[in-house]
């Protein structure tokens, strides 16, 4: 009986430790994400301007790259990502024209 109680106590302690580690990792991820998002407006304008994009479009690109698109295709440029994720045919056409000019 003591062995079962001891085993149960050890399992609970290890689960608690794993939960604490996971929570700590998530907090670290949130901190690094927030520091990445804190890019100044001037830097954002500069990066957007390099691709001929508005700040809003460049912000959308960065948001997309923080999600599944960034995991699936981490090396894609902003014009390609926004073209793939375009919301309308007109938007896709404009981005394709910018991409051709950039090449």
Protein backbone atom coordinates (compact mmCIF):
# COMPACT_ATOMS: atom_id res chain seq x y z
CA UNK A 1 0.00 0.00 0.00
CA UNK A 2 2.84 2.38 0.85
CA UNK A 3 4.46 1.63 -2.51
CA UNK A 4 1.27 2.59 -4.38
CA UNK A 5 0.98 5.83 -2.42
CA UNK A 6 4.62 6.65 -3.04
CA UNK A 7 4.28 5.89 -6.76
CA UNK A 8 1.17 8.06 -7.00
CA UNK A 9 2.91 10.92 -5.19
CA UNK A 10 5.93 10.72 -7.52
CA UNK A 11 3.67 10.72 -10.59
CA UNK A 12 1.82 13.79 -9.34
CA UNK A 13 5.07 15.61 -8.60
CA UNK A 14 6.48 14.82 -12.04
CA UNK A 15 3.27 16.00 -13.73
CA UNK A 16 3.39 19.20 -11.71
CA UNK A 17 7.02 19.76 -12.69
CA UNK A 18 6.23 19.16 -16.38
CA UNK A 19 3.35 21.66 -16.20
CA UNK A 20 5.65 24.26 -14.61
CA UNK A 21 8.27 23.78 -17.34
CA UNK A 22 5.64 24.08 -20.07
CA UNK A 23 4.22 27.26 -18.54
CA UNK A 24 7.71 28.74 -18.28
CA UNK A 25 8.40 27.89 -21.92
CA UNK A 26 5.14 29.49 -23.04
CA UNK A 27 5.94 32.68 -21.12
CA UNK A 28 9.37 32.82 -22.78
CA UNK A 29 7.76 32.39 -26.19
CA UNK A 30 5.28 35.18 -25.47
CA UNK A 31 8.11 37.48 -24.37
CA UNK A 32 10.15 36.85 -27.52
CA UNK A 33 7.04 37.26 -29.70
CA UNK A 34 6.20 40.59 -28.11
CA UNK A 35 9.75 41.84 -28.63
CA UNK A 36 9.55 40.85 -32.30
CA UNK A 37 6.26 42.70 -32.69
CA UNK A 38 7.72 45.86 -31.15
CA UNK A 39 9.46 46.86 -34.38
CA UNK A 40 9.37 50.62 -34.67
CA UNK A 41 7.19 52.34 -37.21
CA UNK A 42 10.25 53.65 -39.01
CA UNK A 43 11.69 50.14 -39.43
CA UNK A 44 8.32 48.88 -40.59
CA UNK A 45 8.06 51.66 -43.17
CA UNK A 46 11.57 50.89 -44.40
CA UNK A 47 10.92 47.15 -44.72
CA UNK A 48 7.57 47.73 -46.41
CA UNK A 49 9.14 50.25 -48.78
CA UNK A 50 11.81 47.78 -49.88
CA UNK A 51 9.04 45.60 -51.31
CA UNK A 52 6.76 48.41 -52.50
CA UNK A 53 4.16 47.54 -49.86
CA UNK A 54 2.10 49.59 -47.45
CA UNK A 55 2.73 49.27 -43.72
CA UNK A 56 -0.59 47.45 -43.42
CA UNK A 57 0.41 44.90 -46.08
CA UNK A 58 3.79 44.35 -44.46
CA UNK A 59 2.14 43.88 -41.05
CA UNK A 60 -0.17 41.30 -42.64
CA UNK A 61 2.86 39.51 -44.11
CA UNK A 62 4.51 39.37 -40.68
CA UNK A 63 1.30 38.10 -39.07
CA UNK A 64 0.98 35.38 -41.72
CA UNK A 65 4.60 34.35 -41.18
CA UNK A 66 3.97 33.95 -37.45
CA UNK A 67 1.35 31.30 -38.26
CA UNK A 68 1.27 28.10 -40.32
CA UNK A 69 2.54 29.85 -43.48
CA UNK A 70 5.80 30.73 -41.74
CA UNK A 71 6.22 27.15 -40.58
CA UNK A 72 5.41 25.67 -43.99
CA UNK A 73 7.41 28.17 -46.04
CA UNK A 74 9.83 30.11 -43.83
CA UNK A 75 11.94 31.53 -46.66
CA UNK A 76 9.24 33.15 -48.78
CA UNK A 77 9.41 36.85 -49.53
CA UNK A 78 6.54 39.22 -48.64
CA UNK A 79 5.19 39.54 -52.18
CA UNK A 80 4.95 35.78 -52.62
CA UNK A 81 3.34 35.20 -49.22
CA UNK A 82 0.79 37.96 -49.71
CA UNK A 83 0.09 36.69 -53.24
CA UNK A 84 -0.54 33.17 -51.99
CA UNK A 85 -2.75 34.48 -49.19
CA UNK A 86 -4.47 37.18 -51.29
CA UNK A 87 -8.09 37.83 -50.38
CA UNK A 88 -9.23 38.78 -53.90
CA UNK A 89 -8.15 38.20 -57.48
CA UNK A 90 -7.44 41.93 -57.86
CA UNK A 91 -5.15 41.89 -54.84
CA UNK A 92 -3.36 38.82 -56.21
CA UNK A 93 -2.89 40.53 -59.59
CA UNK A 94 -1.41 43.70 -58.02
CA UNK A 95 1.01 41.62 -55.95
CA UNK A 96 2.00 39.56 -59.00
CA UNK A 97 2.80 42.76 -60.90
CA UNK A 98 4.94 44.01 -58.00
CA UNK A 99 6.69 40.64 -57.87
CA UNK A 100 7.54 40.83 -61.60
CA UNK A 101 8.95 44.34 -61.15
CA UNK A 102 11.02 43.19 -58.18
CA UNK A 103 12.54 40.35 -60.17
